[in-house]
Amino acid sequence: MTNLDSNVTNSITLCYAGIPICAYSFPEEDPGLNLYSPFRHHVDYRLARLFNRAKTLQRNIEQFLQEGILQGLNPVHHVQFRSAYTMYKLVDAATNEPQWQSSVVDYPLLNRV
C-alpha cells in the first residue's frame, strides 16, 4: 500500500468517525417505561419505601391508609395499595431478581481432542 492509498483510507475513515450507525434511545427516554414498576406511580413507590425503611408496623400502615391522609392531601391521586399486605406484595415483586438460566453451547466445528 502506498502512502497515497493510506491517506485516502484514513480520510474516508475520519469522515464517518463519530456518526452513529443507527439511533439509540435510552430506556429512560421511553415514555411507556415505568421505572417504579410494579408500582404504578412514583408516589406509591416512595410511600412504600418510606414505610419499609422506617420498619413501620403493619397495623400503623393500615391505620395510615384507613385514615385517608393522602387522599386529603391530593384528591386526584389514589394510592395503589390499600393495606400493608398488598404494599409488601408489591415490595416483594419489586425486589425479585430474574432467575439465571444456563445451557450448553455446542460448537460443531470445534476440534475435540
Protein backbone atom coordinates (compact mmCIF):
# COMPACT_ATOMS: atom_id res chain seq x y z
CA MET A 1 0.00 0.00 0.00
CA THR A 2 1.43 3.35 -0.93
CA ASN A 3 1.46 6.45 1.19
CA LEU A 4 -1.26 7.97 -1.05
CA ASP A 5 -3.54 4.93 -0.54
CA SER A 6 -3.00 5.17 3.19
CA ASN A 7 -4.02 8.84 3.24
CA VAL A 8 -7.19 8.12 1.23
CA THR A 9 -8.17 5.30 3.63
CA ASN A 10 -7.55 7.48 6.68
CA SER A 11 -9.58 10.38 5.28
CA ILE A 12 -12.50 8.07 4.47
CA THR A 13 -12.40 6.62 7.99
CA LEU A 14 -12.26 10.07 9.55
CA CYS A 15 -15.28 11.25 7.54
CA TYR A 16 -17.50 8.68 9.23
CA ALA A 17 -15.95 8.75 12.67
CA GLY A 18 -18.46 9.66 15.37
CA ILE A 19 -21.54 9.23 13.16
CA PRO A 20 -23.95 6.75 14.80
CA ILE A 21 -24.92 3.74 12.73
CA CYS A 22 -28.48 3.93 13.99
CA ALA A 23 -30.41 5.97 16.50
CA TYR A 24 -30.20 4.61 20.04
CA SER A 25 -32.77 5.50 22.61
CA PHE A 26 -32.05 5.04 26.27
CA PRO A 27 -34.69 3.06 28.18
CA GLU A 28 -35.29 6.07 30.43
CA GLU A 29 -36.39 8.09 27.37
CA ASP A 30 -39.20 5.67 26.55
CA PRO A 31 -42.44 7.29 27.77
CA GLY A 32 -44.00 3.84 28.21
CA LEU A 33 -41.29 2.65 30.61
CA ASN A 34 -42.23 2.65 34.27
CA LEU A 35 -39.06 2.95 36.34
CA TYR A 36 -41.07 2.30 39.52
CA SER A 37 -42.63 -0.98 38.39
CA PRO A 38 -44.50 -2.83 39.85
CA PHE A 39 -45.72 0.40 41.42
CA ARG A 40 -47.89 2.47 39.09
CA HIS A 41 -46.67 5.85 40.29
CA HIS A 42 -43.57 7.27 41.92
CA VAL A 43 -45.66 8.47 44.89
CA ASP A 44 -46.73 4.89 45.65
CA TYR A 45 -43.12 3.71 45.36
CA ARG A 46 -41.81 6.44 47.66
CA LEU A 47 -44.52 5.84 50.25
CA ALA A 48 -43.78 2.10 50.32
CA ARG A 49 -40.06 2.83 50.51
CA LEU A 50 -40.66 5.17 53.47
CA PHE A 51 -42.72 2.58 55.35
CA ASN A 52 -40.22 -0.17 54.55
CA ARG A 53 -37.10 1.79 55.52
CA ALA A 54 -38.70 3.04 58.73
CA LYS A 55 -39.74 -0.53 59.57
CA THR A 56 -43.26 0.73 60.20
CA LEU A 57 -45.52 -1.79 61.88
CA GLN A 58 -48.23 -3.24 59.65
CA ARG A 59 -51.01 -2.05 61.96
CA ASN A 60 -49.63 1.51 61.71
CA ILE A 61 -49.56 1.28 57.91
CA GLU A 62 -53.13 0.02 57.97
CA GLN A 63 -54.20 2.89 60.19
CA PHE A 64 -52.45 5.44 57.97
CA LEU A 65 -54.14 4.09 54.85
CA GLN A 66 -57.58 3.86 56.51
CA GLU A 67 -57.46 7.46 57.71
CA GLY A 68 -57.12 8.66 54.12
CA ILE A 69 -54.48 11.28 54.88
CA LEU A 70 -53.03 11.08 51.38
CA GLN A 71 -56.46 11.42 49.82
CA GLY A 72 -56.93 14.64 51.76
CA LEU A 73 -53.58 16.00 50.57
CA ASN A 74 -54.04 15.02 46.94
CA PRO A 75 -57.60 14.06 45.98
CA VAL A 76 -56.54 13.23 42.41
CA HIS A 77 -54.00 10.52 43.27
CA HIS A 78 -55.28 7.20 44.57
CA VAL A 79 -52.65 5.06 46.27
CA GLN A 80 -52.23 1.72 44.54
CA PHE A 81 -52.23 -0.36 47.72
CA ARG A 82 -54.98 -0.38 50.32
CA SER A 83 -53.29 -2.49 53.00
CA ALA A 84 -49.87 -3.31 54.38
CA TYR A 85 -50.22 -6.80 52.94
CA THR A 86 -50.72 -5.57 49.36
CA MET A 87 -47.95 -2.99 49.80
CA TYR A 88 -45.48 -5.66 50.89
CA LYS A 89 -46.54 -7.90 47.99
CA LEU A 90 -45.54 -5.04 45.64
CA VAL A 91 -42.28 -4.52 47.51
CA ASP A 92 -41.51 -8.23 47.17
CA ALA A 93 -42.34 -8.12 43.45
CA ALA A 94 -40.03 -5.12 43.00
CA THR A 95 -37.11 -6.87 44.67
CA ASN A 96 -37.45 -10.19 42.84
CA GLU A 97 -34.49 -10.68 40.59
CA PRO A 98 -34.84 -12.71 37.43
CA GLN A 99 -33.54 -16.24 37.69
CA TRP A 100 -30.30 -17.05 35.92
CA GLN A 101 -30.58 -19.54 33.14
CA SER A 102 -27.76 -21.51 31.61
CA SER A 103 -27.33 -24.01 28.83
CA VAL A 104 -24.58 -25.75 26.93
CA VAL A 105 -23.50 -24.31 23.61
CA ASP A 106 -22.27 -26.83 21.09
CA TYR A 107 -19.68 -25.71 18.52
CA PRO A 108 -19.80 -28.38 15.81
CA LEU A 109 -16.68 -27.07 14.06
CA LEU A 110 -14.58 -27.20 17.21
CA ASN A 111 -11.91 -29.90 17.02
CA ARG A 112 -12.20 -32.11 20.05
CA VAL A 113 -9.05 -33.74 21.25
